[in-house]
Amino acid sequence: MKLGHRSRRTGFTLVEILIVVVILGILAATVLPQFSQASKDAKESSLVQNLQMIRHQVSLFKFQHDGKLPAEGGTDASAFVDQMTKKTLLSGTVDAAGNLGPYVLGQLPPNAYNNSRDVKVINGAITSSDYDGSQAHGWAYSSTTGDVRGNVSPTIKSVVETTKSVN
């Protein structure tokens, strides 16, 4: 009786595949939380940067318009956006022939948390309910104080409240 040569087996055994899967699972468990934190940090950084930019431009508008704020004393969001994104006269009137502005090119930056560029303009002080993340607007702006806040959830609010406000 002749015994044939055993054919050489190719491929991986089940044990080898399981070891690789376990190693990949361990790597994923340690690496993915780091990416999650980086995404959160990027959103916070974007929010702070956009807030600072808008606040600086509101401050520049106020300086160039003899102390007058955009949409001063009103609640018209389109007036605020127009005064920030178009040329204006010293009086604050939007005019293509104006020699002041625009303060923001194109359109206002989006809020990193809700991706909205919309502004809620408040005649008076901004209250915490104006920027608690429950509404659709991206920014809350006081037309009497010049304060600008990002509309975010209460868990993110500390980022908003610790960045410098324009007064």
C-alpha atoms as a PDB file:
ATOM      1  CA  MET A   1       0.000   0.000   0.000  1.00  0.00           C
ATOM      2  CA  LYS A   2       1.398   3.234  -1.088  1.00  0.00           C
ATOM      3  CA  LEU A   3       0.821   6.349   0.892  1.00  0.00           C
ATOM      4  CA  GLY A   4       0.472   9.424  -1.237  1.00  0.00           C
ATOM      5  CA  HIS A   5       2.231  12.586  -0.477  1.00  0.00           C
ATOM      6  CA  ARG A   6       0.190  14.893   1.585  1.00  0.00           C
ATOM      7  CA  SER A   7      -0.590  18.030  -0.277  1.00  0.00           C
ATOM      8  CA  ARG A   8       0.748  21.139   1.321  1.00  0.00           C
ATOM      9  CA  ARG A   9      -2.014  23.203   2.885  1.00  0.00           C
ATOM     10  CA  THR A  10      -2.191  26.873   2.080  1.00  0.00           C
ATOM     11  CA  GLY A  11      -4.152  29.552   3.865  1.00  0.00           C
ATOM     12  CA  PHE A  12      -4.692  30.500   7.467  1.00  0.00           C
ATOM     13  CA  THR A  13      -6.085  28.422  10.267  1.00  0.00           C
ATOM     14  CA  LEU A  14      -9.083  29.546  12.238  1.00  0.00           C
ATOM     15  CA  VAL A  15      -6.905  30.196  15.287  1.00  0.00           C
ATOM     16  CA  GLU A  16      -4.594  32.488  13.307  1.00  0.00           C
ATOM     17  CA  ILE A  17      -7.548  34.469  11.970  1.00  0.00           C
ATOM     18  CA  LEU A  18      -9.031  34.804  15.465  1.00  0.00           C
ATOM     19  CA  ILE A  19      -5.724  36.104  16.841  1.00  0.00           C
ATOM     20  CA  VAL A  20      -5.576  38.766  14.112  1.00  0.00           C
ATOM     21  CA  VAL A  21      -9.200  39.782  14.777  1.00  0.00           C
ATOM     22  CA  VAL A  22      -8.538  40.109  18.519  1.00  0.00           C
ATOM     23  CA  ILE A  23      -5.441  42.259  17.894  1.00  0.00           C
ATOM     24  CA  LEU A  24      -7.389  44.511  15.501  1.00  0.00           C
ATOM     25  CA  GLY A  25     -10.161  44.841  18.093  1.00  0.00           C
ATOM     26  CA  ILE A  26      -7.690  45.900  20.774  1.00  0.00           C
ATOM     27  CA  LEU A  27      -6.109  48.460  18.433  1.00  0.00           C
ATOM     28  CA  ALA A  28      -9.519  49.852  17.473  1.00  0.00           C
ATOM     29  CA  ALA A  29     -10.536  50.168  21.128  1.00  0.00           C
ATOM     30  CA  THR A  30      -7.458  52.258  21.908  1.00  0.00           C
ATOM     31  CA  VAL A  31      -7.293  54.394  18.746  1.00  0.00           C
ATOM     32  CA  LEU A  32     -10.944  55.321  18.069  1.00  0.00           C
ATOM     33  CA  PRO A  33     -11.491  57.326  21.290  1.00  0.00           C
ATOM     34  CA  GLN A  34      -8.497  59.486  20.354  1.00  0.00           C
ATOM     35  CA  PHE A  35     -10.108  60.351  17.000  1.00  0.00           C
ATOM     36  CA  SER A  36     -13.380  61.121  18.764  1.00  0.00           C
ATOM     37  CA  GLN A  37     -11.642  63.553  21.123  1.00  0.00           C
ATOM     38  CA  ALA A  38      -9.797  65.180  18.216  1.00  0.00           C
ATOM     39  CA  SER A  39     -13.122  65.793  16.445  1.00  0.00           C
ATOM     40  CA  LYS A  40     -14.583  67.404  19.588  1.00  0.00           C
ATOM     41  CA  ASP A  41     -11.486  69.572  20.009  1.00  0.00           C
ATOM     42  CA  ALA A  42     -11.681  70.669  16.363  1.00  0.00           C
ATOM     43  CA  LYS A  43     -15.323  71.742  16.764  1.00  0.00           C
ATOM     44  CA  GLU A  44     -14.532  73.709  19.924  1.00  0.00           C
ATOM     45  CA  SER A  45     -11.568  75.351  18.233  1.00  0.00           C
ATOM     46  CA  SER A  46     -13.638  76.265  15.178  1.00  0.00           C
ATOM     47  CA  LEU A  47     -16.404  77.713  17.364  1.00  0.00           C
ATOM     48  CA  VAL A  48     -13.959  79.832  19.374  1.00  0.00           C
ATOM     49  CA  GLN A  49     -12.150  81.031  16.252  1.00  0.00           C
ATOM     50  CA  ASN A  50     -15.395  81.997  14.485  1.00  0.00           C
ATOM     51  CA  LEU A  51     -16.702  83.739  17.617  1.00  0.00           C
ATOM     52  CA  GLN A  52     -13.505  85.750  17.945  1.00  0.00           C
ATOM     53  CA  MET A  53     -13.627  86.719  14.275  1.00  0.00           C
ATOM     54  CA  ILE A  54     -17.259  87.890  14.445  1.00  0.00           C
ATOM     55  CA  ARG A  55     -16.622  89.742  17.720  1.00  0.00           C
ATOM     56  CA  HIS A  56     -13.561  91.503  16.320  1.00  0.00           C
ATOM     57  CA  GLN A  57     -15.490  92.559  13.222  1.00  0.00           C
ATOM     58  CA  VAL A  58     -18.379  93.874  15.347  1.00  0.00           C
ATOM     59  CA  SER A  59     -15.810  95.823  17.363  1.00  0.00           C
ATOM     60  CA  LEU A  60     -14.247  97.218  14.172  1.00  0.00           C
ATOM     61  CA  PHE A  61     -17.698  98.201  12.865  1.00  0.00           C
ATOM     62  CA  LYS A  62     -18.395 100.004  16.154  1.00  0.00           C
ATOM     63  CA  PHE A  63     -15.048 101.809  15.992  1.00  0.00           C
ATOM     64  CA  GLN A  64     -15.499 102.913  12.373  1.00  0.00           C
ATOM     65  CA  HIS A  65     -19.117 103.996  12.848  1.00  0.00           C
ATOM     66  CA  ASP A  66     -18.559 106.318  15.819  1.00  0.00           C
ATOM     67  CA  GLY A  67     -19.739 103.871  18.480  1.00  0.00           C
ATOM     68  CA  LYS A  68     -22.776 102.578  16.601  1.00  0.00           C
ATOM     69  CA  LEU A  69     -23.287  98.792  16.559  1.00  0.00           C
ATOM     70  CA  PRO A  70     -24.595  96.753  13.615  1.00  0.00           C
ATOM     71  CA  ALA A  71     -28.425  96.619  13.679  1.00  0.00           C
ATOM     72  CA  GLU A  72     -28.248  98.891  16.733  1.00  0.00           C
ATOM     73  CA  GLY A  73     -31.325  98.678  18.939  1.00  0.00           C
ATOM     74  CA  GLY A  74     -33.166  96.390  16.542  1.00  0.00           C
ATOM     75  CA  THR A  75     -33.945  92.710  16.113  1.00  0.00           C
ATOM     76  CA  ASP A  76     -33.592  92.451  12.330  1.00  0.00           C
ATOM     77  CA  ALA A  77     -31.111  89.679  11.543  1.00  0.00           C
ATOM     78  CA  SER A  78     -30.897  90.668   7.874  1.00  0.00           C
ATOM     79  CA  ALA A  79     -29.828  94.205   8.885  1.00  0.00           C
ATOM     80  CA  PHE A  80     -27.004  92.743  10.978  1.00  0.00           C
ATOM     81  CA  VAL A  81     -25.876  90.378   8.215  1.00  0.00           C
ATOM     82  CA  ASP A  82     -26.062  93.117   5.564  1.00  0.00           C
ATOM     83  CA  GLN A  83     -24.065  95.573   7.666  1.00  0.00           C
ATOM     84  CA  MET A  84     -21.411  92.931   8.290  1.00  0.00           C
ATOM     85  CA  THR A  85     -21.166  91.599   4.722  1.00  0.00           C
ATOM     86  CA  LYS A  86     -21.726  94.706   2.583  1.00  0.00           C
ATOM     87  CA  LYS A  87     -20.268  98.190   2.274  1.00  0.00           C
ATOM     88  CA  THR A  88     -21.739 100.842   4.548  1.00  0.00           C
ATOM     89  CA  LEU A  89     -21.750 104.578   5.026  1.00  0.00           C
ATOM     90  CA  LEU A  90     -20.613 106.205   8.283  1.00  0.00           C
ATOM     91  CA  SER A  91     -24.267 106.270   9.369  1.00  0.00           C
ATOM     92  CA  GLY A  92     -24.378 102.456   9.128  1.00  0.00           C
ATOM     93  CA  THR A  93     -26.621 102.482   6.066  1.00  0.00           C
ATOM     94  CA  VAL A  94     -25.797  99.720   3.598  1.00  0.00           C
ATOM     95  CA  ASP A  95     -24.658 101.340   0.352  1.00  0.00           C
ATOM     96  CA  ALA A  96     -22.585  99.890  -2.485  1.00  0.00           C
ATOM     97  CA  ALA A  97     -20.819 103.260  -2.720  1.00  0.00           C
ATOM     98  CA  GLY A  98     -19.961 103.192   0.995  1.00  0.00           C
ATOM     99  CA  ASN A  99     -16.341 103.424   2.043  1.00  0.00           C
ATOM    100  CA  LEU A 100     -16.581 101.193   5.155  1.00  0.00           C
ATOM    101  CA  GLY A 101     -16.738  97.423   5.246  1.00  0.00           C
ATOM    102  CA  PRO A 102     -17.485  94.758   4.379  1.00  0.00           C
ATOM    103  CA  TYR A 103     -16.406  93.278   7.683  1.00  0.00           C
ATOM    104  CA  VAL A 104     -17.046  89.649   6.744  1.00  0.00           C
ATOM    105  CA  LEU A 105     -16.472  88.536   3.167  1.00  0.00           C
ATOM    106  CA  GLY A 106     -19.282  86.518   1.625  1.00  0.00           C
ATOM    107  CA  GLN A 107     -21.345  85.285   4.531  1.00  0.00           C
ATOM    108  CA  LEU A 108     -21.029  84.741   8.249  1.00  0.00           C
ATOM    109  CA  PRO A 109     -19.145  81.587   9.239  1.00  0.00           C
ATOM    110  CA  PRO A 110     -21.226  78.599  10.308  1.00  0.00           C
ATOM    111  CA  ASN A 111     -21.521  77.499  13.908  1.00  0.00           C
ATOM    112  CA  ALA A 112     -19.444  74.295  14.104  1.00  0.00           C
ATOM    113  CA  TYR A 113     -22.047  72.520  16.239  1.00  0.00           C
ATOM    114  CA  ASN A 114     -25.221  73.081  14.208  1.00  0.00           C
ATOM    115  CA  ASN A 115     -23.735  74.293  10.892  1.00  0.00           C
ATOM    116  CA  SER A 116     -26.095  77.299  10.874  1.00  0.00           C
ATOM    117  CA  ARG A 117     -25.079  80.793   9.767  1.00  0.00           C
ATOM    118  CA  ASP A 118     -28.361  82.322  10.967  1.00  0.00           C
ATOM    119  CA  VAL A 119     -28.254  85.047  13.607  1.00  0.00           C
ATOM    120  CA  LYS A 120     -30.798  85.756  16.312  1.00  0.00           C
ATOM    121  CA  VAL A 121     -30.593  89.495  17.005  1.00  0.00           C
ATOM    122  CA  ILE A 122     -31.740  90.522  20.477  1.00  0.00           C
ATOM    123  CA  ASN A 123     -32.517  94.076  21.559  1.00  0.00           C
ATOM    124  CA  GLY A 124     -31.124  93.863  25.086  1.00  0.00           C
ATOM    125  CA  ALA A 125     -28.877  91.485  26.941  1.00  0.00           C
ATOM    126  CA  ILE A 126     -28.448  87.945  25.692  1.00  0.00           C
ATOM    127  CA  THR A 127     -29.873  85.392  28.114  1.00  0.00           C
ATOM    128  CA  SER A 128     -28.744  81.784  28.375  1.00  0.00           C
ATOM    129  CA  SER A 129     -31.969  80.600  26.701  1.00  0.00           C
ATOM    130  CA  ASP A 130     -30.988  82.582  23.577  1.00  0.00           C
ATOM    131  CA  TYR A 131     -28.017  80.291  22.968  1.00  0.00           C
ATOM    132  CA  ASP A 132     -28.797  76.971  24.654  1.00  0.00           C
ATOM    133  CA  GLY A 133     -28.649  74.836  21.516  1.00  0.00           C
ATOM    134  CA  SER A 134     -32.414  74.239  21.401  1.00  0.00           C
ATOM    135  CA  GLN A 135     -33.027  76.703  18.564  1.00  0.00           C
ATOM    136  CA  ALA A 136     -31.983  76.585  14.905  1.00  0.00           C
ATOM    137  CA  HIS A 137     -29.847  79.736  14.708  1.00  0.00           C
ATOM    138  CA  GLY A 138     -26.061  79.545  14.787  1.00  0.00           C
ATOM    139  CA  TRP A 139     -25.321  82.799  16.599  1.00  0.00           C
ATOM    140  CA  ALA A 140     -26.989  85.084  19.138  1.00  0.00           C
ATOM    141  CA  TYR A 141     -26.146  88.803  18.908  1.00  0.00           C
ATOM    142  CA  SER A 142     -27.156  91.675  21.180  1.00  0.00           C
ATOM    143  CA  SER A 143     -27.775  94.843  19.184  1.00  0.00           C
ATOM    144  CA  THR A 144     -27.441  96.931  22.356  1.00  0.00           C
ATOM    145  CA  THR A 145     -24.225  95.482  23.831  1.00  0.00           C
ATOM    146  CA  GLY A 146     -22.465  93.978  20.796  1.00  0.00           C
ATOM    147  CA  ASP A 147     -22.160  90.616  22.557  1.00  0.00           C
ATOM    148  CA  VAL A 148     -22.042  87.545  20.283  1.00  0.00           C
ATOM    149  CA  ARG A 149     -22.576  83.977  21.468  1.00  0.00           C
ATOM    150  CA  GLY A 150     -22.575  80.630  19.696  1.00  0.00           C
ATOM    151  CA  ASN A 151     -25.815  78.674  19.947  1.00  0.00           C
ATOM    152  CA  VAL A 152     -24.654  75.433  21.578  1.00  0.00           C
ATOM    153  CA  SER A 153     -25.852  72.873  24.098  1.00  0.00           C
ATOM    154  CA  PRO A 154     -25.301  73.501  27.813  1.00  0.00           C
ATOM    155  CA  THR A 155     -22.436  70.984  27.862  1.00  0.00           C
ATOM    156  CA  ILE A 156     -20.482  73.111  25.373  1.00  0.00           C
ATOM    157  CA  LYS A 157     -21.557  76.449  26.855  1.00  0.00           C
ATOM    158  CA  SER A 158     -18.450  76.807  29.017  1.00  0.00           C
ATOM    159  CA  VAL A 159     -16.391  77.205  25.829  1.00  0.00           C
ATOM    160  CA  VAL A 160     -18.679  80.008  24.696  1.00  0.00           C
ATOM    161  CA  GLU A 161     -18.702  81.776  28.044  1.00  0.00           C
ATOM    162  CA  THR A 162     -14.945  81.693  28.581  1.00  0.00           C
ATOM    163  CA  THR A 163     -14.053  83.350  25.275  1.00  0.00           C
ATOM    164  CA  LYS A 164     -13.773  87.141  25.371  1.00  0.00           C
ATOM    165  CA  SER A 165     -16.912  89.117  24.603  1.00  0.00           C
ATOM    166  CA  VAL A 166     -17.088  92.430  22.748  1.00  0.00           C
ATOM    167  CA  ASN A 167     -18.631  95.109  24.947  1.00  0.00           C
END
